[in-house]
N, C-alpha and C. Protein backbone atom coordinates (compact mmCIF):
# COMPACT_ATOMS: atom_id res chain seq x y z
N UNK A 1 14.75 96.43 -27.68
CA UNK A 1 15.90 96.79 -26.87
C UNK A 1 17.17 96.65 -27.72
N UNK A 2 18.01 97.70 -27.77
CA UNK A 2 19.23 97.60 -28.57
C UNK A 2 20.25 96.66 -27.92
N UNK A 3 21.10 96.10 -28.76
CA UNK A 3 22.14 95.20 -28.27
C UNK A 3 23.20 96.01 -27.54
N UNK A 4 23.74 95.43 -26.50
CA UNK A 4 24.79 96.08 -25.74
C UNK A 4 26.13 95.65 -26.33
N UNK A 5 26.91 96.61 -26.78
CA UNK A 5 28.23 96.31 -27.35
C UNK A 5 29.29 96.95 -26.48
N UNK A 6 30.34 96.18 -26.19
CA UNK A 6 31.46 96.73 -25.43
C UNK A 6 32.75 96.37 -26.14
N UNK A 7 33.77 97.12 -25.86
CA UNK A 7 35.07 96.84 -26.46
C UNK A 7 35.87 95.92 -25.54
N UNK A 8 36.86 95.24 -26.08
CA UNK A 8 37.71 94.40 -25.23
C UNK A 8 38.36 95.20 -24.09
N UNK A 9 38.72 96.44 -24.39
CA UNK A 9 39.36 97.28 -23.37
C UNK A 9 38.39 97.54 -22.21
N UNK A 10 37.13 97.80 -22.53
CA UNK A 10 36.12 98.05 -21.50
C UNK A 10 35.92 96.79 -20.66
N UNK A 11 35.87 95.63 -21.32
CA UNK A 11 35.69 94.37 -20.59
C UNK A 11 36.87 94.10 -19.65
N UNK A 12 38.06 94.37 -20.11
CA UNK A 12 39.24 94.17 -19.26
C UNK A 12 39.20 95.10 -18.05
N UNK A 13 38.81 96.35 -18.29
CA UNK A 13 38.70 97.32 -17.21
C UNK A 13 37.66 96.84 -16.18
N UNK A 14 36.52 96.37 -16.66
CA UNK A 14 35.48 95.86 -15.75
C UNK A 14 35.99 94.65 -14.98
N UNK A 15 36.72 93.77 -15.68
CA UNK A 15 37.26 92.58 -15.01
C UNK A 15 38.18 92.98 -13.87
N UNK A 16 39.09 93.90 -14.13
CA UNK A 16 40.05 94.32 -13.11
C UNK A 16 39.33 95.00 -11.94
N UNK A 17 38.33 95.80 -12.25
CA UNK A 17 37.56 96.44 -11.17
C UNK A 17 36.82 95.40 -10.33
N UNK A 18 36.21 94.42 -11.00
CA UNK A 18 35.52 93.35 -10.27
C UNK A 18 36.50 92.55 -9.42
N UNK A 19 37.68 92.30 -9.95
CA UNK A 19 38.70 91.56 -9.19
C UNK A 19 39.12 92.35 -7.96
N UNK A 20 39.23 93.66 -8.10
CA UNK A 20 39.62 94.52 -6.98
C UNK A 20 38.58 94.56 -5.87
N UNK A 21 37.32 94.37 -6.23
CA UNK A 21 36.25 94.37 -5.21
C UNK A 21 36.32 93.13 -4.33
N UNK A 22 36.84 92.04 -4.86
CA UNK A 22 37.00 90.82 -4.06
C UNK A 22 35.72 90.09 -3.78
N UNK A 23 34.67 90.29 -4.58
CA UNK A 23 33.39 89.62 -4.34
C UNK A 23 33.40 88.17 -4.82
N UNK A 24 34.27 87.87 -5.79
CA UNK A 24 34.34 86.53 -6.35
C UNK A 24 35.79 86.04 -6.30
N UNK A 25 35.95 84.73 -6.28
CA UNK A 25 37.31 84.19 -6.39
C UNK A 25 37.79 84.41 -7.81
N UNK A 26 39.08 84.31 -8.03
CA UNK A 26 39.62 84.49 -9.38
C UNK A 26 39.02 83.45 -10.33
N UNK A 27 38.84 82.23 -9.87
CA UNK A 27 38.27 81.18 -10.72
C UNK A 27 36.86 81.54 -11.16
N UNK A 28 36.02 81.99 -10.21
CA UNK A 28 34.64 82.37 -10.54
C UNK A 28 34.60 83.57 -11.48
N UNK A 29 35.44 84.54 -11.19
CA UNK A 29 35.46 85.75 -12.01
C UNK A 29 35.89 85.45 -13.44
N UNK A 30 36.93 84.63 -13.58
CA UNK A 30 37.41 84.27 -14.92
C UNK A 30 36.35 83.48 -15.68
N UNK A 31 35.61 82.61 -14.98
CA UNK A 31 34.54 81.85 -15.63
C UNK A 31 33.44 82.80 -16.10
N UNK A 32 33.11 83.81 -15.31
CA UNK A 32 32.08 84.79 -15.70
C UNK A 32 32.48 85.56 -16.95
N UNK A 33 33.77 85.88 -17.08
CA UNK A 33 34.25 86.66 -18.23
C UNK A 33 34.71 85.78 -19.39
N UNK A 34 34.72 84.47 -19.18
CA UNK A 34 35.09 83.55 -20.26
C UNK A 34 36.57 83.59 -20.62
N UNK A 35 37.42 83.77 -19.61
CA UNK A 35 38.87 83.79 -19.85
C UNK A 35 39.53 82.79 -18.92
N UNK A 36 40.78 82.48 -19.19
CA UNK A 36 41.52 81.56 -18.33
C UNK A 36 42.02 82.31 -17.09
N UNK A 37 42.33 81.57 -16.04
CA UNK A 37 42.87 82.21 -14.83
C UNK A 37 44.22 82.85 -15.13
N UNK A 38 45.00 82.23 -16.00
CA UNK A 38 46.30 82.79 -16.36
C UNK A 38 46.11 84.19 -16.96
N UNK A 39 45.13 84.34 -17.85
CA UNK A 39 44.85 85.64 -18.45
C UNK A 39 44.34 86.62 -17.41
N UNK A 40 43.49 86.15 -16.51
CA UNK A 40 42.97 87.01 -15.45
C UNK A 40 44.08 87.56 -14.57
N UNK A 41 44.98 86.70 -14.15
CA UNK A 41 46.12 87.15 -13.33
C UNK A 41 47.02 88.10 -14.12
N UNK A 42 47.20 87.81 -15.40
CA UNK A 42 48.04 88.66 -16.26
C UNK A 42 47.45 90.07 -16.32
N UNK A 43 46.14 90.18 -16.55
CA UNK A 43 45.51 91.49 -16.63
C UNK A 43 45.60 92.24 -15.30
N UNK A 44 45.39 91.53 -14.20
CA UNK A 44 45.47 92.18 -12.89
C UNK A 44 46.90 92.67 -12.62
N UNK A 45 47.89 91.85 -12.94
CA UNK A 45 49.29 92.25 -12.73
C UNK A 45 49.66 93.44 -13.60
N UNK A 46 49.26 93.41 -14.86
CA UNK A 46 49.57 94.53 -15.76
C UNK A 46 48.89 95.82 -15.30
N UNK A 47 47.63 95.69 -14.84
CA UNK A 47 46.90 96.87 -14.39
C UNK A 47 47.57 97.47 -13.15
N UNK A 48 48.01 96.60 -12.27
CA UNK A 48 48.69 97.07 -11.06
C UNK A 48 50.01 97.76 -11.39
N UNK A 49 50.73 97.24 -12.37
CA UNK A 49 52.04 97.79 -12.72
C UNK A 49 51.94 99.04 -13.61
N UNK A 50 50.99 99.04 -14.56
CA UNK A 50 50.96 100.10 -15.57
C UNK A 50 49.67 100.91 -15.62
N UNK A 51 48.69 100.55 -14.83
CA UNK A 51 47.41 101.24 -14.89
C UNK A 51 46.62 100.79 -16.11
N UNK A 52 45.73 101.63 -16.57
CA UNK A 52 44.86 101.28 -17.71
C UNK A 52 45.67 100.96 -18.96
N UNK A 53 46.81 101.60 -19.13
CA UNK A 53 47.65 101.34 -20.31
C UNK A 53 48.13 99.88 -20.36
N UNK A 54 48.21 99.21 -19.22
CA UNK A 54 48.64 97.82 -19.19
C UNK A 54 47.62 96.86 -19.76
N UNK A 55 46.38 97.32 -19.96
CA UNK A 55 45.33 96.45 -20.48
C UNK A 55 45.22 96.49 -22.00
N UNK A 56 45.99 97.35 -22.64
CA UNK A 56 45.96 97.46 -24.11
C UNK A 56 46.50 96.18 -24.73
N UNK A 57 45.88 95.76 -25.82
CA UNK A 57 46.33 94.55 -26.54
C UNK A 57 47.76 94.76 -27.03
N UNK A 58 48.60 93.79 -26.78
CA UNK A 58 50.00 93.88 -27.19
C UNK A 58 50.26 92.98 -28.39
N UNK A 59 51.27 93.34 -29.13
CA UNK A 59 51.64 92.56 -30.30
C UNK A 59 52.20 91.20 -29.86
N UNK A 60 51.89 90.19 -30.64
CA UNK A 60 52.42 88.85 -30.38
C UNK A 60 53.65 88.55 -31.22
N UNK A 61 54.04 89.52 -32.04
CA UNK A 61 55.21 89.34 -32.89
C UNK A 61 56.48 89.36 -32.05
N UNK A 62 57.45 88.55 -32.39
CA UNK A 62 58.70 88.57 -31.63
C UNK A 62 59.41 89.91 -31.78
N UNK A 63 60.11 90.31 -30.74
CA UNK A 63 60.82 91.58 -30.79
C UNK A 63 62.05 91.52 -31.69
N UNK A 64 62.65 90.36 -31.80
CA UNK A 64 63.78 90.19 -32.70
C UNK A 64 63.81 88.74 -33.17
N UNK A 65 64.49 88.54 -34.27
CA UNK A 65 64.62 87.20 -34.84
C UNK A 65 66.10 86.85 -34.87
N UNK A 66 66.52 85.83 -34.13
CA UNK A 66 67.94 85.51 -34.09
C UNK A 66 68.50 85.01 -35.42
N UNK A 67 67.63 84.57 -36.31
CA UNK A 67 68.10 84.03 -37.58
C UNK A 67 68.00 85.03 -38.72
N UNK A 68 67.67 86.26 -38.41
CA UNK A 68 67.51 87.27 -39.44
C UNK A 68 68.85 87.53 -40.14
N UNK A 69 68.79 87.69 -41.44
CA UNK A 69 69.99 87.98 -42.22
C UNK A 69 70.38 89.44 -41.96
N UNK A 70 71.62 89.65 -41.60
CA UNK A 70 72.07 91.02 -41.31
C UNK A 70 72.09 91.84 -42.61
N UNK A 71 72.05 93.15 -42.44
CA UNK A 71 72.05 94.05 -43.60
C UNK A 71 73.32 93.89 -44.43
N UNK A 72 74.44 93.67 -43.75
CA UNK A 72 75.71 93.52 -44.46
C UNK A 72 75.71 92.26 -45.33
N UNK A 73 75.18 91.17 -44.79
CA UNK A 73 75.11 89.91 -45.54
C UNK A 73 74.13 90.06 -46.71
N UNK A 74 72.98 90.68 -46.45
CA UNK A 74 71.99 90.87 -47.51
C UNK A 74 72.57 91.73 -48.64
N UNK A 75 73.31 92.74 -48.27
CA UNK A 75 73.92 93.61 -49.29
C UNK A 75 74.93 92.83 -50.12
N UNK A 76 75.75 91.99 -49.49
CA UNK A 76 76.75 91.21 -50.22
C UNK A 76 76.07 90.23 -51.18
N UNK A 77 74.99 89.61 -50.74
CA UNK A 77 74.28 88.66 -51.60
C UNK A 77 73.65 89.39 -52.79
N UNK A 78 73.05 90.54 -52.53
CA UNK A 78 72.42 91.31 -53.61
C UNK A 78 73.45 91.84 -54.61
N UNK A 79 74.62 92.26 -54.10
CA UNK A 79 75.69 92.73 -54.99
C UNK A 79 76.20 91.58 -55.86
N UNK A 80 76.33 90.39 -55.26
CA UNK A 80 76.77 89.23 -56.03
C UNK A 80 75.73 88.89 -57.11
N UNK A 81 74.46 89.06 -56.76
CA UNK A 81 73.40 88.78 -57.74
C UNK A 81 73.44 89.77 -58.89
N UNK A 82 73.74 91.04 -58.59
CA UNK A 82 73.83 92.04 -59.65
C UNK A 82 75.00 91.72 -60.59
N UNK A 83 76.09 91.20 -60.02
CA UNK A 83 77.24 90.83 -60.83
C UNK A 83 76.96 89.57 -61.66
N UNK A 84 76.11 88.68 -61.12
CA UNK A 84 75.80 87.41 -61.78
C UNK A 84 74.29 87.20 -61.75
N UNK A 85 73.54 87.88 -62.62
CA UNK A 85 72.08 87.86 -62.54
C UNK A 85 71.43 86.51 -62.82
N UNK A 86 72.10 85.60 -63.47
CA UNK A 86 71.48 84.33 -63.78
C UNK A 86 71.75 83.24 -62.73
N UNK A 87 72.60 83.53 -61.75
CA UNK A 87 72.94 82.53 -60.73
C UNK A 87 71.85 82.45 -59.67
N UNK A 88 71.69 81.25 -59.14
CA UNK A 88 70.75 81.03 -58.06
C UNK A 88 71.42 81.23 -56.70
N UNK A 89 70.66 81.09 -55.63
CA UNK A 89 71.21 81.35 -54.30
C UNK A 89 72.36 80.41 -53.90
N UNK A 90 72.27 79.12 -54.25
CA UNK A 90 73.34 78.20 -53.86
C UNK A 90 74.66 78.56 -54.54
N UNK A 91 74.59 78.88 -55.81
CA UNK A 91 75.81 79.22 -56.55
C UNK A 91 76.38 80.55 -56.04
N UNK A 92 75.49 81.51 -55.74
CA UNK A 92 75.95 82.81 -55.21
C UNK A 92 76.64 82.63 -53.86
N UNK A 93 76.06 81.81 -53.00
CA UNK A 93 76.68 81.58 -51.68
C UNK A 93 78.01 80.85 -51.82
N UNK A 94 78.07 79.89 -52.74
CA UNK A 94 79.34 79.20 -52.99
C UNK A 94 80.40 80.14 -53.53
N UNK A 95 79.99 81.10 -54.31
CA UNK A 95 80.92 82.08 -54.87
C UNK A 95 81.36 83.08 -53.79
N UNK A 96 80.43 83.46 -52.90
CA UNK A 96 80.73 84.45 -51.86
C UNK A 96 81.60 83.88 -50.73
N UNK A 97 81.41 82.60 -50.41
CA UNK A 97 82.08 82.02 -49.24
C UNK A 97 83.59 82.23 -49.23
N UNK A 98 84.34 81.92 -50.29
CA UNK A 98 85.78 82.13 -50.23
C UNK A 98 86.18 83.61 -50.33
N UNK A 99 85.31 84.43 -50.91
CA UNK A 99 85.64 85.86 -51.06
C UNK A 99 85.34 86.65 -49.79
N UNK A 100 84.38 86.18 -48.99
CA UNK A 100 84.01 86.84 -47.73
C UNK A 100 84.01 85.81 -46.61
N UNK A 101 85.19 85.32 -46.19
CA UNK A 101 85.22 84.23 -45.21
C UNK A 101 84.70 84.62 -43.82
N UNK A 102 84.70 85.89 -43.49
CA UNK A 102 84.22 86.30 -42.16
C UNK A 102 82.71 86.55 -42.14
N UNK A 103 82.08 86.54 -43.29
CA UNK A 103 80.65 86.83 -43.39
C UNK A 103 79.85 85.57 -43.02
N UNK A 104 78.92 85.67 -42.07
CA UNK A 104 78.10 84.50 -41.70
C UNK A 104 76.99 84.29 -42.72
N UNK A 105 77.26 83.50 -43.72
CA UNK A 105 76.31 83.30 -44.82
C UNK A 105 75.15 82.40 -44.39
N UNK A 106 73.93 82.72 -44.84
CA UNK A 106 72.77 81.90 -44.49
C UNK A 106 72.68 80.68 -45.40
N UNK A 107 71.67 79.87 -45.16
CA UNK A 107 71.39 78.74 -46.04
C UNK A 107 70.83 79.27 -47.37
N UNK A 108 70.75 78.41 -48.35
CA UNK A 108 70.30 78.84 -49.68
C UNK A 108 68.86 79.34 -49.68
N UNK A 109 67.99 78.72 -48.91
CA UNK A 109 66.58 79.10 -48.92
C UNK A 109 66.35 80.54 -48.46
N UNK A 110 66.87 80.97 -47.29
CA UNK A 110 66.68 82.37 -46.91
C UNK A 110 67.40 83.34 -47.85
N UNK A 111 68.53 82.92 -48.38
CA UNK A 111 69.23 83.78 -49.34
C UNK A 111 68.39 83.95 -50.60
N UNK A 112 67.73 82.89 -51.03
CA UNK A 112 66.88 82.95 -52.20
C UNK A 112 65.67 83.86 -51.98
N UNK A 113 65.18 83.92 -50.75
CA UNK A 113 64.05 84.82 -50.44
C UNK A 113 64.41 86.27 -50.64
N UNK A 114 65.68 86.61 -50.50
CA UNK A 114 66.14 87.99 -50.68
C UNK A 114 66.16 88.41 -52.14
N UNK A 115 66.41 87.46 -53.00
CA UNK A 115 66.71 87.75 -54.39
C UNK A 115 65.46 87.96 -55.24
N UNK A 116 65.53 88.93 -56.16
CA UNK A 116 64.44 89.06 -57.13
C UNK A 116 64.55 87.91 -58.14
N UNK A 117 63.51 87.73 -58.90
CA UNK A 117 63.51 86.69 -59.91
C UNK A 117 64.64 86.96 -60.91
N UNK A 118 65.31 85.92 -61.41
CA UNK A 118 66.42 86.13 -62.34
C UNK A 118 65.92 86.77 -63.64
N UNK A 119 66.80 87.55 -64.23
CA UNK A 119 66.48 88.20 -65.50
C UNK A 119 66.40 87.14 -66.59
N UNK A 120 65.39 87.22 -67.43
CA UNK A 120 65.25 86.21 -68.49
C UNK A 120 65.90 86.66 -69.75
């Protein structure tokens, strides 16, 4: 007998259909599918709101990062590095601070992540 293989999407669809039939409590149904009740309710709510498209796996990546260096700041740091290729991030930020007082400069570590290795 061949093994039965299903996709996560198919399992979610079956779960939602079984939940709609009302034959089992949410606790029993979630135990049968090996998921938490929180996940079970989430899938049912998404299916009700969006249909089958609501069951698609979603990205866990944040939509935005509040600490991200803005393009303007990154450009200023890179331009300073081109002018002074042997300087490190701390020295570049110290040099930029009085010249660009309105620019929200990051800490040395994230600024250093932007920079290519110094020219030898």
